[in-house]
Amino acid sequence: MALRRAADEQDANPYPRNVLCIAREPHTLLSILVDGRQPGYSDGLTLGEVAEFAALRGCAAAVELDGGGSVSMAWRGPHGIGLLNRPFHTRIPGRERPVANHIGFGSAPGT
């Protein structure tokens, strides 16, 4: 994976990131989520650091979907829906941003 030059301040500074990447192994899609803007918990990553992180995990190609306060990951388990990360919205750690778009992943029972 080639590291690219930072195009603007958000590319060059640590930031919350949401990235999808295709691994070198066939039929493998990885979702990478990085919290940020929370000193002492997570500062985030630059785009170059995200590219390096993805490459170390076997990714052949990656795309950043979004960054900032809208970076959230939830999981629906047997007891309902819960957050898997600590988003940061309106300067409040753990607060989700009300966003109307999402990507969902699912599997058939028993797979």
N, C-alpha and C. Protein backbone atom coordinates (compact mmCIF):
# COMPACT_ATOMS: atom_id res chain seq x y z
N MET A 1 0.85 -1.16 0.00
CA MET A 1 0.00 0.00 0.00
C MET A 1 0.90 1.22 0.00
N ALA A 2 0.70 2.08 -0.94
CA ALA A 2 1.52 3.29 -1.03
C ALA A 2 0.99 4.36 -0.09
N LEU A 3 1.91 4.96 0.65
CA LEU A 3 1.53 6.09 1.48
C LEU A 3 1.45 7.33 0.61
N ARG A 4 0.43 8.12 0.79
CA ARG A 4 0.31 9.32 -0.03
C ARG A 4 0.58 10.55 0.80
N ARG A 5 0.91 11.59 0.14
CA ARG A 5 1.21 12.86 0.78
C ARG A 5 -0.07 13.48 1.33
N ALA A 6 0.01 14.07 2.51
CA ALA A 6 -1.15 14.71 3.12
C ALA A 6 -1.62 15.88 2.26
N ALA A 7 -2.91 15.87 1.93
CA ALA A 7 -3.47 16.91 1.07
C ALA A 7 -3.91 18.12 1.87
N ASP A 8 -4.28 17.94 3.10
CA ASP A 8 -4.71 19.06 3.92
C ASP A 8 -4.45 18.75 5.38
N GLU A 9 -4.86 19.65 6.24
CA GLU A 9 -4.59 19.53 7.67
C GLU A 9 -5.20 18.26 8.26
N GLN A 10 -6.40 17.88 7.83
CA GLN A 10 -7.04 16.69 8.37
C GLN A 10 -6.29 15.42 7.97
N ASP A 11 -5.58 15.45 6.87
CA ASP A 11 -4.78 14.29 6.46
C ASP A 11 -3.51 14.17 7.29
N ALA A 12 -2.91 15.29 7.65
CA ALA A 12 -1.60 15.31 8.30
C ALA A 12 -1.68 15.23 9.82
N ASN A 13 -2.82 15.52 10.41
CA ASN A 13 -2.97 15.51 11.86
C ASN A 13 -3.70 14.25 12.34
N PRO A 14 -3.42 13.81 13.57
CA PRO A 14 -4.17 12.68 14.12
C PRO A 14 -5.66 13.02 14.17
N TYR A 15 -6.50 12.04 13.83
CA TYR A 15 -7.92 12.29 13.66
C TYR A 15 -8.66 10.97 13.83
N PRO A 16 -9.90 10.97 14.28
CA PRO A 16 -10.67 9.72 14.25
C PRO A 16 -10.83 9.26 12.80
N ARG A 17 -10.74 7.97 12.56
CA ARG A 17 -10.79 7.46 11.18
C ARG A 17 -11.71 6.24 11.10
N ASN A 18 -12.33 6.08 9.94
CA ASN A 18 -13.15 4.92 9.62
C ASN A 18 -12.70 4.45 8.24
N VAL A 19 -12.10 3.27 8.18
CA VAL A 19 -11.46 2.78 6.97
C VAL A 19 -11.93 1.36 6.64
N LEU A 20 -12.18 1.10 5.37
CA LEU A 20 -12.41 -0.25 4.88
C LEU A 20 -11.23 -0.64 4.04
N CYS A 21 -10.78 -1.89 4.17
CA CYS A 21 -9.68 -2.34 3.33
C CYS A 21 -9.88 -3.77 2.89
N ILE A 22 -9.33 -4.07 1.74
CA ILE A 22 -9.37 -5.41 1.18
C ILE A 22 -8.03 -6.05 1.48
N ALA A 23 -8.09 -7.17 2.17
CA ALA A 23 -6.86 -7.87 2.54
C ALA A 23 -6.33 -8.68 1.36
N ARG A 24 -5.06 -9.01 1.43
CA ARG A 24 -4.43 -9.80 0.37
C ARG A 24 -5.05 -11.19 0.28
N GLU A 25 -5.55 -11.70 1.40
CA GLU A 25 -6.23 -13.00 1.40
C GLU A 25 -7.56 -12.83 0.66
N PRO A 26 -7.97 -13.78 -0.14
CA PRO A 26 -9.21 -13.62 -0.90
C PRO A 26 -10.44 -13.57 0.02
N HIS A 27 -11.42 -12.80 -0.41
CA HIS A 27 -12.71 -12.71 0.26
C HIS A 27 -12.61 -12.15 1.68
N THR A 28 -11.70 -11.23 1.91
CA THR A 28 -11.55 -10.67 3.25
C THR A 28 -11.65 -9.15 3.18
N LEU A 29 -12.62 -8.61 3.89
CA LEU A 29 -12.82 -7.17 4.02
C LEU A 29 -12.63 -6.82 5.48
N LEU A 30 -11.75 -5.87 5.74
CA LEU A 30 -11.49 -5.43 7.12
C LEU A 30 -12.08 -4.04 7.33
N SER A 31 -12.65 -3.84 8.48
CA SER A 31 -13.13 -2.53 8.89
C SER A 31 -12.23 -2.05 10.02
N ILE A 32 -11.60 -0.91 9.81
CA ILE A 32 -10.69 -0.35 10.82
C ILE A 32 -11.30 0.95 11.33
N LEU A 33 -11.47 1.03 12.62
CA LEU A 33 -12.03 2.22 13.24
C LEU A 33 -11.06 2.72 14.29
N VAL A 34 -10.75 4.00 14.26
CA VAL A 34 -9.81 4.60 15.20
C VAL A 34 -10.49 5.76 15.90
N ASP A 35 -10.56 5.70 17.22
CA ASP A 35 -11.07 6.84 17.99
C ASP A 35 -10.03 7.94 18.00
N GLY A 36 -10.42 9.15 18.35
CA GLY A 36 -9.47 10.26 18.41
C GLY A 36 -10.04 11.47 19.12
N ARG A 37 -9.17 12.50 19.21
CA ARG A 37 -9.49 13.77 19.87
C ARG A 37 -9.80 13.59 21.36
N GLN A 38 -9.22 12.56 21.95
CA GLN A 38 -9.47 12.28 23.36
C GLN A 38 -8.14 12.02 24.06
N PRO A 39 -7.43 13.09 24.44
CA PRO A 39 -6.12 12.94 25.08
C PRO A 39 -6.19 11.99 26.28
N GLY A 40 -5.20 11.11 26.36
CA GLY A 40 -5.16 10.12 27.43
C GLY A 40 -5.94 8.86 27.09
N TYR A 41 -6.73 8.90 26.03
CA TYR A 41 -7.49 7.74 25.58
C TYR A 41 -7.07 7.38 24.16
N SER A 42 -7.26 8.30 23.21
CA SER A 42 -6.83 8.11 21.82
C SER A 42 -6.74 9.46 21.14
N ASP A 43 -5.58 9.72 20.54
CA ASP A 43 -5.41 10.96 19.79
C ASP A 43 -5.88 10.82 18.35
N GLY A 44 -5.98 9.58 17.85
CA GLY A 44 -6.31 9.34 16.46
C GLY A 44 -5.06 9.01 15.67
N LEU A 45 -5.19 8.92 14.35
CA LEU A 45 -4.07 8.62 13.46
C LEU A 45 -4.09 9.57 12.27
N THR A 46 -2.91 9.84 11.71
CA THR A 46 -2.83 10.56 10.44
C THR A 46 -3.18 9.57 9.33
N LEU A 47 -3.43 10.06 8.12
CA LEU A 47 -3.71 9.14 7.01
C LEU A 47 -2.52 8.24 6.72
N GLY A 48 -1.31 8.77 6.84
CA GLY A 48 -0.12 7.95 6.65
C GLY A 48 -0.04 6.84 7.68
N GLU A 49 -0.37 7.14 8.93
CA GLU A 49 -0.36 6.12 9.98
C GLU A 49 -1.45 5.08 9.75
N VAL A 50 -2.61 5.52 9.25
CA VAL A 50 -3.68 4.58 8.93
C VAL A 50 -3.23 3.63 7.82
N ALA A 51 -2.58 4.18 6.79
CA ALA A 51 -2.09 3.35 5.68
C ALA A 51 -1.09 2.32 6.19
N GLU A 52 -0.19 2.73 7.06
CA GLU A 52 0.79 1.81 7.63
C GLU A 52 0.11 0.74 8.49
N PHE A 53 -0.83 1.16 9.32
CA PHE A 53 -1.59 0.25 10.17
C PHE A 53 -2.31 -0.80 9.33
N ALA A 54 -2.97 -0.36 8.25
CA ALA A 54 -3.69 -1.28 7.36
C ALA A 54 -2.73 -2.23 6.65
N ALA A 55 -1.62 -1.71 6.17
CA ALA A 55 -0.65 -2.55 5.47
C ALA A 55 -0.08 -3.64 6.39
N LEU A 56 0.17 -3.30 7.64
CA LEU A 56 0.67 -4.29 8.60
C LEU A 56 -0.34 -5.39 8.89
N ARG A 57 -1.60 -5.14 8.60
CA ARG A 57 -2.64 -6.14 8.81
C ARG A 57 -3.02 -6.86 7.52
N GLY A 58 -2.19 -6.70 6.50
CA GLY A 58 -2.37 -7.44 5.27
C GLY A 58 -3.27 -6.80 4.24
N CYS A 59 -3.58 -5.54 4.39
CA CYS A 59 -4.46 -4.87 3.43
C CYS A 59 -3.71 -4.53 2.14
N ALA A 60 -4.34 -4.82 1.03
CA ALA A 60 -3.77 -4.49 -0.28
C ALA A 60 -4.26 -3.14 -0.76
N ALA A 61 -5.46 -2.74 -0.34
CA ALA A 61 -6.04 -1.45 -0.72
C ALA A 61 -6.98 -1.01 0.40
N ALA A 62 -7.06 0.30 0.60
CA ALA A 62 -7.91 0.83 1.67
C ALA A 62 -8.53 2.15 1.23
N VAL A 63 -9.66 2.47 1.83
CA VAL A 63 -10.33 3.75 1.58
C VAL A 63 -10.87 4.27 2.91
N GLU A 64 -10.62 5.56 3.16
CA GLU A 64 -11.20 6.18 4.34
C GLU A 64 -12.62 6.58 4.01
N LEU A 65 -13.56 6.12 4.81
CA LEU A 65 -14.96 6.44 4.60
C LEU A 65 -15.33 7.77 5.23
N ASP A 66 -14.84 8.01 6.41
CA ASP A 66 -15.18 9.22 7.13
C ASP A 66 -14.18 9.40 8.26
N GLY A 67 -14.23 10.54 8.86
CA GLY A 67 -13.38 10.81 10.00
C GLY A 67 -14.08 11.79 10.91
N GLY A 68 -13.55 11.96 12.10
CA GLY A 68 -14.12 12.92 13.01
C GLY A 68 -15.18 12.33 13.91
N GLY A 69 -16.11 13.17 14.33
CA GLY A 69 -17.12 12.80 15.31
C GLY A 69 -18.12 11.77 14.84
N SER A 70 -18.20 11.53 13.54
CA SER A 70 -19.18 10.54 13.06
C SER A 70 -18.63 9.12 13.05
N VAL A 71 -17.39 8.93 13.47
CA VAL A 71 -16.78 7.59 13.49
C VAL A 71 -17.34 6.81 14.68
N SER A 72 -18.18 5.86 14.37
CA SER A 72 -18.80 5.01 15.40
C SER A 72 -18.92 3.59 14.86
N MET A 73 -18.84 2.63 15.77
CA MET A 73 -19.07 1.25 15.39
C MET A 73 -19.97 0.61 16.45
N ALA A 74 -21.05 0.01 15.99
CA ALA A 74 -21.99 -0.64 16.90
C ALA A 74 -22.12 -2.11 16.52
N TRP A 75 -22.60 -2.89 17.44
CA TRP A 75 -22.78 -4.32 17.25
C TRP A 75 -24.12 -4.72 17.85
N ARG A 76 -24.85 -5.55 17.12
CA ARG A 76 -26.10 -6.07 17.66
C ARG A 76 -25.85 -7.48 18.13
N GLY A 77 -25.97 -7.66 19.40
CA GLY A 77 -25.77 -8.97 19.99
C GLY A 77 -27.05 -9.48 20.62
N PRO A 78 -26.94 -10.52 21.40
CA PRO A 78 -28.13 -11.13 21.99
C PRO A 78 -28.87 -10.21 22.97
N HIS A 79 -28.21 -9.18 23.46
CA HIS A 79 -28.83 -8.28 24.44
C HIS A 79 -29.09 -6.89 23.86
N GLY A 80 -29.09 -6.77 22.54
CA GLY A 80 -29.39 -5.48 21.91
C GLY A 80 -28.17 -4.89 21.23
N ILE A 81 -28.26 -3.60 20.96
CA ILE A 81 -27.21 -2.89 20.23
C ILE A 81 -26.33 -2.13 21.20
N GLY A 82 -25.01 -2.22 20.98
CA GLY A 82 -24.07 -1.50 21.83
C GLY A 82 -22.91 -0.96 21.02
N LEU A 83 -22.31 0.10 21.51
CA LEU A 83 -21.14 0.69 20.85
C LEU A 83 -19.89 -0.14 21.12
N LEU A 84 -19.03 -0.23 20.10
CA LEU A 84 -17.75 -0.93 20.25
C LEU A 84 -16.59 0.05 20.38
N ASN A 85 -16.88 1.33 20.28
CA ASN A 85 -15.82 2.32 20.41
C ASN A 85 -16.32 3.46 21.28
N ARG A 86 -15.51 4.50 21.38
CA ARG A 86 -15.85 5.67 22.18
C ARG A 86 -15.84 6.90 21.27
N PRO A 87 -16.97 7.18 20.60
CA PRO A 87 -17.02 8.35 19.70
C PRO A 87 -16.88 9.65 20.48
N PHE A 88 -16.72 10.72 19.75
CA PHE A 88 -16.48 12.03 20.36
C PHE A 88 -17.29 13.06 19.57
N HIS A 89 -18.37 13.56 20.17
CA HIS A 89 -19.21 14.55 19.48
C HIS A 89 -19.49 15.71 20.42
N THR A 90 -19.48 16.91 19.89
CA THR A 90 -19.68 18.16 20.64
C THR A 90 -18.80 18.20 21.90
N ARG A 91 -17.56 17.74 21.70
CA ARG A 91 -16.53 17.74 22.76
C ARG A 91 -16.89 16.90 23.97
N ILE A 92 -17.75 15.90 23.75
CA ILE A 92 -18.15 15.01 24.84
C ILE A 92 -17.76 13.58 24.47
N PRO A 93 -16.76 12.99 25.18
CA PRO A 93 -16.37 11.61 24.90
C PRO A 93 -17.53 10.65 25.16
N GLY A 94 -17.69 9.68 24.26
CA GLY A 94 -18.74 8.69 24.40
C GLY A 94 -20.08 9.10 23.81
N ARG A 95 -20.16 10.31 23.30
CA ARG A 95 -21.42 10.79 22.72
C ARG A 95 -21.42 10.54 21.21
N GLU A 96 -22.49 9.90 20.74
CA GLU A 96 -22.63 9.62 19.31
C GLU A 96 -23.15 10.85 18.58
N ARG A 97 -22.68 11.01 17.35
CA ARG A 97 -23.20 12.06 16.49
C ARG A 97 -24.43 11.50 15.76
N PRO A 98 -25.51 12.26 15.72
CA PRO A 98 -26.69 11.78 14.98
C PRO A 98 -26.43 11.89 13.47
N VAL A 99 -26.10 10.76 12.85
CA VAL A 99 -25.77 10.72 11.43
C VAL A 99 -26.75 9.77 10.74
N ALA A 100 -27.18 10.14 9.56
CA ALA A 100 -28.20 9.35 8.87
C ALA A 100 -27.64 8.31 7.92
N ASN A 101 -26.32 8.16 7.81
CA ASN A 101 -25.78 7.15 6.90
C ASN A 101 -24.99 6.11 7.67
N HIS A 102 -24.94 4.91 7.13
CA HIS A 102 -24.22 3.83 7.79
C HIS A 102 -23.94 2.72 6.79
N ILE A 103 -23.07 1.82 7.19
CA ILE A 103 -22.81 0.59 6.45
C ILE A 103 -23.07 -0.54 7.42
N GLY A 104 -23.83 -1.52 6.98
CA GLY A 104 -24.12 -2.66 7.83
C GLY A 104 -23.51 -3.93 7.29
N PHE A 105 -23.08 -4.79 8.17
CA PHE A 105 -22.55 -6.10 7.81
C PHE A 105 -23.39 -7.13 8.54
N GLY A 106 -23.65 -8.23 7.90
CA GLY A 106 -24.42 -9.28 8.54
C GLY A 106 -23.94 -10.64 8.08
N SER A 107 -24.44 -11.66 8.73
CA SER A 107 -24.13 -13.03 8.31
C SER A 107 -25.36 -13.88 8.53
N ALA A 108 -25.43 -14.93 7.75
CA ALA A 108 -26.53 -15.87 7.90
C ALA A 108 -26.32 -16.68 9.17
N PRO A 109 -27.39 -17.11 9.82
CA PRO A 109 -27.25 -17.95 11.03
C PRO A 109 -26.38 -19.17 10.74
N GLY A 110 -25.50 -19.46 11.66
CA GLY A 110 -24.65 -20.63 11.55
C GLY A 110 -23.40 -20.45 10.71
N THR A 111 -23.12 -19.20 10.25
CA THR A 111 -21.91 -18.98 9.45
C THR A 111 -20.87 -18.25 10.25
